[in-house]
Amino acid sequence: MNQEDDGTIVYQLELNPEDVNLLYHCVCKRLENWEGSPARPAEEQEHLWSMKHGLYRVVLDHKFHEM
């Protein structure tokens, strides 16, 4: 666990490629089934999009270097 200058707590995880693919798939499905505002905060959808893009970068990086 690390704490950034703005007080945000950051965790670092070690994941294998299968874990990243599973997380990516879960985030994609969550976005597809997102209830929308006001049932859920709009920031949640923005955060999910950010997570999706970040996980996809990892998926592409793995494909580029390992396949």
C-alpha atoms as a PDB file:
ATOM      1  CA  MET A   1       0.000   0.000   0.000  1.00  0.00           C
ATOM      2  CA  ASN A   2       1.240   3.472  -0.897  1.00  0.00           C
ATOM      3  CA  GLN A   3      -0.191   6.886  -0.227  1.00  0.00           C
ATOM      4  CA  GLU A   4       0.132   9.583  -2.877  1.00  0.00           C
ATOM      5  CA  ASP A   5       0.753  13.257  -2.142  1.00  0.00           C
ATOM      6  CA  ASP A   6      -2.972  14.031  -2.370  1.00  0.00           C
ATOM      7  CA  GLY A   7      -3.771  11.402   0.258  1.00  0.00           C
ATOM      8  CA  THR A   8      -5.075   8.800  -2.192  1.00  0.00           C
ATOM      9  CA  ILE A   9      -4.236   5.240  -1.177  1.00  0.00           C
ATOM     10  CA  VAL A  10      -2.824   3.115  -4.008  1.00  0.00           C
ATOM     11  CA  TYR A  11      -2.420  -0.669  -4.024  1.00  0.00           C
ATOM     12  CA  GLN A  12      -0.184  -2.557  -6.409  1.00  0.00           C
ATOM     13  CA  LEU A  13      -1.114  -6.073  -7.497  1.00  0.00           C
ATOM     14  CA  GLU A  14       0.730  -8.739  -9.405  1.00  0.00           C
ATOM     15  CA  LEU A  15      -1.611 -10.384 -11.887  1.00  0.00           C
ATOM     16  CA  ASN A  16      -1.056 -13.008 -14.537  1.00  0.00           C
ATOM     17  CA  PRO A  17      -2.441 -12.423 -18.056  1.00  0.00           C
ATOM     18  CA  GLU A  18      -5.481 -14.602 -17.388  1.00  0.00           C
ATOM     19  CA  ASP A  19      -6.358 -12.485 -14.338  1.00  0.00           C
ATOM     20  CA  VAL A  20      -6.104  -9.277 -16.364  1.00  0.00           C
ATOM     21  CA  ASN A  21      -8.302 -10.721 -19.118  1.00  0.00           C
ATOM     22  CA  LEU A  22     -10.903 -11.769 -16.551  1.00  0.00           C
ATOM     23  CA  LEU A  23     -10.909  -8.350 -14.879  1.00  0.00           C
ATOM     24  CA  TYR A  24     -11.183  -6.657 -18.280  1.00  0.00           C
ATOM     25  CA  HIS A  25     -14.162  -8.843 -19.170  1.00  0.00           C
ATOM     26  CA  CYS A  26     -15.837  -8.123 -15.806  1.00  0.00           C
ATOM     27  CA  VAL A  27     -15.409  -4.360 -16.192  1.00  0.00           C
ATOM     28  CA  CYS A  28     -16.799  -4.512 -19.746  1.00  0.00           C
ATOM     29  CA  LYS A  29     -19.866  -6.440 -18.557  1.00  0.00           C
ATOM     30  CA  ARG A  30     -20.359  -4.010 -15.675  1.00  0.00           C
ATOM     31  CA  LEU A  31     -20.343  -1.113 -18.125  1.00  0.00           C
ATOM     32  CA  GLU A  32     -22.881  -2.908 -20.324  1.00  0.00           C
ATOM     33  CA  ASN A  33     -25.180  -3.426 -17.334  1.00  0.00           C
ATOM     34  CA  TRP A  34     -24.549  -0.111 -15.578  1.00  0.00           C
ATOM     35  CA  GLU A  35     -27.828   1.109 -14.085  1.00  0.00           C
ATOM     36  CA  GLY A  36     -27.133   4.758 -14.823  1.00  0.00           C
ATOM     37  CA  SER A  37     -27.497   7.886 -12.789  1.00  0.00           C
ATOM     38  CA  PRO A  38     -29.117   8.537 -10.306  1.00  0.00           C
ATOM     39  CA  ALA A  39     -29.214   4.848  -9.306  1.00  0.00           C
ATOM     40  CA  ARG A  40     -25.402   4.883  -9.387  1.00  0.00           C
ATOM     41  CA  PRO A  41     -23.077   7.899  -9.249  1.00  0.00           C
ATOM     42  CA  ALA A  42     -21.986   9.196 -12.661  1.00  0.00           C
ATOM     43  CA  GLU A  43     -18.368   9.138 -11.451  1.00  0.00           C
ATOM     44  CA  GLU A  44     -18.627   5.365 -11.184  1.00  0.00           C
ATOM     45  CA  GLN A  45     -19.191   5.060 -14.928  1.00  0.00           C
ATOM     46  CA  GLU A  46     -16.242   7.346 -15.625  1.00  0.00           C
ATOM     47  CA  HIS A  47     -14.085   5.249 -13.303  1.00  0.00           C
ATOM     48  CA  LEU A  48     -15.186   2.057 -15.043  1.00  0.00           C
ATOM     49  CA  TRP A  49     -14.267   3.516 -18.447  1.00  0.00           C
ATOM     50  CA  SER A  50     -10.848   4.458 -17.084  1.00  0.00           C
ATOM     51  CA  MET A  51     -10.339   0.959 -15.673  1.00  0.00           C
ATOM     52  CA  LYS A  52     -11.447  -0.615 -18.946  1.00  0.00           C
ATOM     53  CA  HIS A  53      -8.945   1.424 -20.955  1.00  0.00           C
ATOM     54  CA  GLY A  54      -6.125   0.721 -18.496  1.00  0.00           C
ATOM     55  CA  LEU A  55      -6.775  -3.013 -18.460  1.00  0.00           C
ATOM     56  CA  TYR A  56      -7.004  -3.090 -22.257  1.00  0.00           C
ATOM     57  CA  ARG A  57      -3.584  -1.431 -22.496  1.00  0.00           C
ATOM     58  CA  VAL A  58      -2.202  -4.289 -20.380  1.00  0.00           C
ATOM     59  CA  VAL A  59      -3.940  -6.881 -22.592  1.00  0.00           C
ATOM     60  CA  LEU A  60      -2.480  -5.298 -25.740  1.00  0.00           C
ATOM     61  CA  ASP A  61       0.974  -4.980 -24.176  1.00  0.00           C
ATOM     62  CA  HIS A  62       0.962  -8.679 -23.325  1.00  0.00           C
ATOM     63  CA  LYS A  63      -0.165  -9.626 -26.833  1.00  0.00           C
ATOM     64  CA  PHE A  64       2.522  -7.435 -28.393  1.00  0.00           C
ATOM     65  CA  HIS A  65       5.383  -8.765 -26.287  1.00  0.00           C
ATOM     66  CA  GLU A  66       4.404 -12.385 -25.688  1.00  0.00           C
ATOM     67  CA  MET A  67       2.475 -13.579 -28.709  1.00  0.00           C
END
